[in-house]
């Protein structure tokens, strides 16, 4: 309760604010909390061309549910050569471009602050894009109130939001240095969308050319194995299924 009070106080102090709404559990929980306060907020999602299937649609549905203004900004990040060629700077450059677009939209529409769902368990060494948040003064209320992933899940349950299996930018499915081609990205997106109804937790399709490495939660490989031919039909010749270590 003390941490929730911290969040509510911080959200109120930061308003009027724009929430970077990906459609995942973290940003969705932040939006739901803000929607219950008497503050002016808007939600903005970024379509980079690297979003998992259904992500921006889910964000829009949530914003409509709470009666919150929602905008989707198109940002063709693959036009940047460092992103397109999947260099070690990809994540930082992409996150900075996204946050700059959010900041510009917020300023143009009378919002003083931009917030995101980064939390206390996120670490800069694992998430290079966090440097861009600091550089652009993006507020992360969960992190600022010391709330990690478990705390967010508790809040989501309190508000009957349910939980959304963790996801991430589709560029993470490709090895560093492998060029991000739209057709390959779409193949991965379609494969994950095909398998998502049958995977209860984390799901990733690791792209290795003609090989797709399907990563699922422990105990789910046998169930997913029944759909390998459907994945092959998307253009993969070989399929390997691995279970994530607990």
Protein backbone atom coordinates (compact mmCIF):
# COMPACT_ATOMS: atom_id res chain seq x y z
CA UNK A 1 0.00 0.00 0.00
CA UNK A 2 2.87 2.36 0.79
CA UNK A 3 4.35 1.86 -2.67
CA UNK A 4 0.97 2.37 -4.31
CA UNK A 5 0.64 5.63 -2.39
CA UNK A 6 4.08 6.63 -3.70
CA UNK A 7 2.93 5.92 -7.24
CA UNK A 8 -0.28 7.90 -6.91
CA UNK A 9 1.57 10.86 -5.42
CA UNK A 10 4.19 10.78 -8.17
CA UNK A 11 1.64 10.43 -10.97
CA UNK A 12 -0.30 13.38 -9.62
CA UNK A 13 2.84 15.50 -9.36
CA UNK A 14 3.95 14.66 -12.91
CA UNK A 15 0.64 15.45 -14.60
CA UNK A 16 -0.31 16.52 -17.21
CA UNK A 17 1.56 13.56 -18.64
CA UNK A 18 1.85 11.23 -21.58
CA UNK A 19 2.28 7.52 -20.87
CA UNK A 20 4.33 5.49 -23.33
CA UNK A 21 1.89 2.62 -23.76
CA UNK A 22 3.32 -0.51 -25.34
CA UNK A 23 0.39 -2.75 -24.47
CA UNK A 24 2.45 -4.88 -22.07
CA UNK A 25 1.67 -5.45 -18.40
CA UNK A 26 3.99 -2.73 -17.06
CA UNK A 27 2.77 0.24 -19.08
CA UNK A 28 -0.83 -1.01 -18.96
CA UNK A 29 -0.72 -1.11 -15.15
CA UNK A 30 0.72 2.40 -15.08
CA UNK A 31 -2.11 3.62 -17.32
CA UNK A 32 -4.77 1.94 -15.19
CA UNK A 33 -3.39 3.57 -12.05
CA UNK A 34 -3.25 7.00 -13.66
CA UNK A 35 -6.76 6.60 -15.04
CA UNK A 36 -8.10 6.29 -11.49
CA UNK A 37 -6.70 9.67 -10.49
CA UNK A 38 -8.09 13.11 -11.21
CA UNK A 39 -5.27 14.07 -13.56
CA UNK A 40 -4.89 14.83 -17.26
CA UNK A 41 -3.12 12.04 -19.14
CA UNK A 42 -2.84 10.66 -22.65
CA UNK A 43 -1.43 7.39 -23.93
CA UNK A 44 0.85 7.19 -26.95
CA UNK A 45 2.06 4.01 -28.64
CA UNK A 46 4.87 3.83 -31.17
CA UNK A 47 4.59 1.60 -34.24
CA UNK A 48 8.21 0.97 -35.21
CA UNK A 49 7.55 -1.96 -37.52
CA UNK A 50 9.20 -4.16 -34.89
CA UNK A 51 6.17 -4.57 -32.61
CA UNK A 52 4.88 -8.07 -31.84
CA UNK A 53 1.49 -8.89 -33.36
CA UNK A 54 -1.48 -7.33 -31.58
CA UNK A 55 0.54 -5.10 -29.28
CA UNK A 56 -0.67 -1.67 -30.43
CA UNK A 57 -4.23 -2.97 -30.83
CA UNK A 58 -4.19 -4.16 -27.22
CA UNK A 59 -2.88 -0.77 -26.09
CA UNK A 60 -5.68 1.00 -27.93
CA UNK A 61 -8.35 -1.25 -26.44
CA UNK A 62 -7.07 -0.56 -22.93
CA UNK A 63 -7.02 3.20 -23.45
CA UNK A 64 -10.58 3.10 -24.79
CA UNK A 65 -11.66 1.05 -21.78
CA UNK A 66 -10.49 3.81 -19.46
CA UNK A 67 -11.63 6.65 -21.71
CA UNK A 68 -8.06 7.87 -22.21
CA UNK A 69 -6.91 9.67 -25.35
CA UNK A 70 -4.70 7.31 -27.34
CA UNK A 71 -2.45 8.03 -30.30
CA UNK A 72 -0.32 5.70 -32.40
CA UNK A 73 2.78 7.29 -33.90
CA UNK A 74 4.43 5.63 -36.88
CA UNK A 75 8.22 5.62 -36.63
CA UNK A 76 10.00 3.71 -39.41
CA UNK A 77 13.14 2.95 -37.42
CA UNK A 78 14.57 0.56 -40.01
CA UNK A 79 15.46 3.62 -42.08
CA UNK A 80 18.31 4.19 -39.61
CA UNK A 81 21.31 2.10 -40.77
CA UNK A 82 22.46 1.29 -37.21
CA UNK A 83 19.05 -0.18 -36.46
CA UNK A 84 18.61 -1.86 -39.84
CA UNK A 85 22.04 -3.52 -39.57
CA UNK A 86 21.33 -4.51 -35.96
CA UNK A 87 24.49 -3.03 -34.47
CA UNK A 88 25.34 -2.98 -30.79
CA UNK A 89 23.83 0.52 -30.60
CA UNK A 90 20.47 -0.56 -32.05
CA UNK A 91 18.49 -0.63 -28.82
CA UNK A 92 19.76 2.71 -27.59
CA UNK A 93 19.25 4.47 -30.93
CA UNK A 94 15.76 3.04 -31.32
CA UNK A 95 14.68 3.91 -27.78
CA UNK A 96 16.02 7.43 -28.14
CA UNK A 97 14.15 7.94 -31.41
CA UNK A 98 10.94 6.66 -29.81
CA UNK A 99 11.25 8.89 -26.77
CA UNK A 100 12.10 11.93 -28.88
CA UNK A 101 8.91 11.32 -30.87
CA UNK A 102 6.92 11.01 -27.65
CA UNK A 103 8.45 14.17 -26.21
CA UNK A 104 7.65 16.11 -29.39
CA UNK A 105 4.03 14.89 -29.38
CA UNK A 106 3.64 15.69 -25.69
CA UNK A 107 5.00 19.22 -26.12
CA UNK A 108 2.75 19.87 -29.12
CA UNK A 109 -0.34 18.80 -27.17
CA UNK A 110 0.25 20.55 -23.87
CA UNK A 111 1.70 17.74 -21.76
CA UNK A 112 4.71 18.52 -19.59
CA UNK A 113 5.91 15.00 -18.79
CA UNK A 114 6.49 11.65 -20.50
CA UNK A 115 6.37 8.46 -18.42
CA UNK A 116 7.09 4.81 -19.13
CA UNK A 117 6.77 1.44 -17.44
CA UNK A 118 10.44 0.83 -16.62
CA UNK A 119 10.62 -0.72 -13.16
CA UNK A 120 13.09 -1.36 -10.35
CA UNK A 121 14.16 -4.76 -11.71
CA UNK A 122 15.27 -3.30 -15.06
CA UNK A 123 19.04 -2.82 -15.25
CA UNK A 124 20.90 -0.52 -17.68
CA UNK A 125 23.52 -3.16 -18.46
CA UNK A 126 20.75 -5.45 -19.73
CA UNK A 127 18.65 -2.71 -21.35
CA UNK A 128 20.84 -0.22 -23.26
CA UNK A 129 17.78 1.85 -24.11
CA UNK A 130 17.52 2.99 -20.50
CA UNK A 131 20.33 5.47 -21.18
CA UNK A 132 18.03 7.28 -23.60
CA UNK A 133 15.37 7.58 -20.86
CA UNK A 134 17.86 9.35 -18.62
CA UNK A 135 19.14 11.62 -21.38
CA UNK A 136 15.62 12.76 -22.29
CA UNK A 137 14.35 13.01 -18.69
CA UNK A 138 11.66 10.37 -19.13
CA UNK A 139 10.04 9.55 -15.81
CA UNK A 140 9.67 5.92 -14.71
CA UNK A 141 7.32 5.97 -11.68
CA UNK A 142 7.64 2.25 -10.90
CA UNK A 143 11.43 2.46 -10.72
CA UNK A 144 11.30 5.75 -8.81
CA UNK A 145 9.02 4.15 -6.19
CA UNK A 146 11.16 1.02 -5.92
CA UNK A 147 8.54 -1.24 -7.51
CA UNK A 148 9.77 -4.24 -9.49
CA UNK A 149 8.08 -6.84 -11.64
CA UNK A 150 6.44 -8.69 -8.74
CA UNK A 151 4.95 -5.47 -7.39
CA UNK A 152 3.53 -4.58 -10.79
CA UNK A 153 1.91 -8.00 -11.10
CA UNK A 154 0.29 -7.51 -7.69
CA UNK A 155 -1.10 -4.14 -8.76
CA UNK A 156 -2.35 -5.61 -12.05
CA UNK A 157 -4.16 -8.33 -10.13
CA UNK A 158 -5.71 -5.78 -7.73
CA UNK A 159 -7.13 -3.89 -10.70
CA UNK A 160 -8.24 -7.06 -12.51
CA UNK A 161 -6.02 -6.31 -15.47
CA UNK A 162 -4.74 -9.81 -15.87
CA UNK A 163 -1.17 -10.36 -16.97
CA UNK A 164 0.23 -10.34 -20.46
CA UNK A 165 3.11 -12.73 -21.22
CA UNK A 166 6.32 -10.74 -21.45
CA UNK A 167 7.31 -9.66 -24.92
CA UNK A 168 9.87 -7.36 -26.51
CA UNK A 169 10.88 -5.70 -29.74
CA UNK A 170 11.13 -8.27 -32.54
CA UNK A 171 14.69 -7.12 -33.30
CA UNK A 172 15.75 -9.08 -30.21
CA UNK A 173 14.96 -12.32 -32.09
CA UNK A 174 17.89 -11.72 -34.46
CA UNK A 175 21.60 -12.10 -33.64
CA UNK A 176 23.54 -8.86 -33.45
CA UNK A 177 24.91 -7.91 -36.84
CA UNK A 178 22.22 -9.76 -38.81
CA UNK A 179 20.39 -7.27 -41.02
CA UNK A 180 16.77 -6.71 -40.03
CA UNK A 181 14.78 -7.37 -43.18
CA UNK A 182 11.03 -6.60 -43.18
CA UNK A 183 10.15 -10.01 -44.65
CA UNK A 184 12.12 -11.83 -41.95
CA UNK A 185 10.60 -9.70 -39.20
CA UNK A 186 7.13 -10.46 -40.54
CA UNK A 187 7.88 -14.17 -40.61
CA UNK A 188 8.85 -14.07 -36.94
CA UNK A 189 5.80 -11.95 -36.07
CA UNK A 190 3.45 -14.40 -37.80
CA UNK A 191 5.10 -17.43 -36.18
CA UNK A 192 4.75 -15.99 -32.70
CA UNK A 193 1.15 -14.98 -33.36
CA UNK A 194 0.42 -18.51 -34.56
CA UNK A 195 1.87 -20.13 -31.43
CA UNK A 196 0.78 -17.56 -28.85
CA UNK A 197 -2.65 -19.16 -28.15
CA UNK A 198 -0.90 -22.39 -27.16
CA UNK A 199 1.93 -20.94 -25.04
CA UNK A 200 1.02 -19.88 -21.53
CA UNK A 201 4.07 -17.75 -20.79
CA UNK A 202 7.16 -16.38 -22.49
CA UNK A 203 7.44 -17.20 -26.18
CA UNK A 204 10.22 -16.25 -28.58
CA UNK A 205 11.02 -17.26 -32.16
CA UNK A 206 14.78 -16.88 -32.60
CA UNK A 207 15.51 -16.28 -36.27
CA UNK A 208 18.48 -18.13 -37.72
CA UNK A 209 17.77 -17.92 -41.45
CA UNK A 210 15.97 -21.11 -42.46
CA UNK A 211 16.05 -22.28 -38.84
CA UNK A 212 13.51 -21.13 -36.24
CA UNK A 213 14.41 -21.74 -32.61
CA UNK A 214 11.21 -21.71 -30.59
CA UNK A 215 11.73 -20.78 -26.92
CA UNK A 216 8.90 -21.64 -24.52
CA UNK A 217 8.34 -22.05 -20.81
CA UNK A 218 9.38 -25.29 -19.03
CA UNK A 219 6.99 -28.14 -19.76
CA UNK A 220 5.52 -26.61 -22.92
CA UNK A 221 7.77 -28.02 -25.65
CA UNK A 222 5.70 -31.13 -26.25
CA UNK A 223 2.52 -29.09 -26.67
CA UNK A 224 4.16 -26.65 -29.10
CA UNK A 225 5.73 -29.50 -31.09
CA UNK A 226 2.34 -30.22 -32.62
CA UNK A 227 2.48 -26.94 -34.53
CA UNK A 228 5.95 -27.14 -36.08
CA UNK A 229 4.59 -27.86 -39.56
CA UNK A 230 2.46 -24.71 -39.36
CA UNK A 231 5.58 -22.71 -38.49
CA UNK A 232 7.48 -24.31 -41.37
CA UNK A 233 4.69 -23.22 -43.72
CA UNK A 234 5.70 -19.62 -42.97
CA UNK A 235 9.04 -20.17 -44.70
CA UNK A 236 11.27 -21.99 -42.20
CA UNK A 237 12.91 -25.28 -43.19
CA UNK A 238 14.02 -26.38 -39.75
CA UNK A 239 12.45 -26.01 -36.30
CA UNK A 240 14.08 -26.48 -32.91
CA UNK A 241 12.17 -26.14 -29.65
CA UNK A 242 13.90 -25.23 -26.40
CA UNK A 243 12.49 -24.69 -22.93
CA UNK A 244 13.57 -21.68 -20.94
CA UNK A 245 15.48 -22.47 -17.75
CA UNK A 246 13.65 -21.58 -14.56
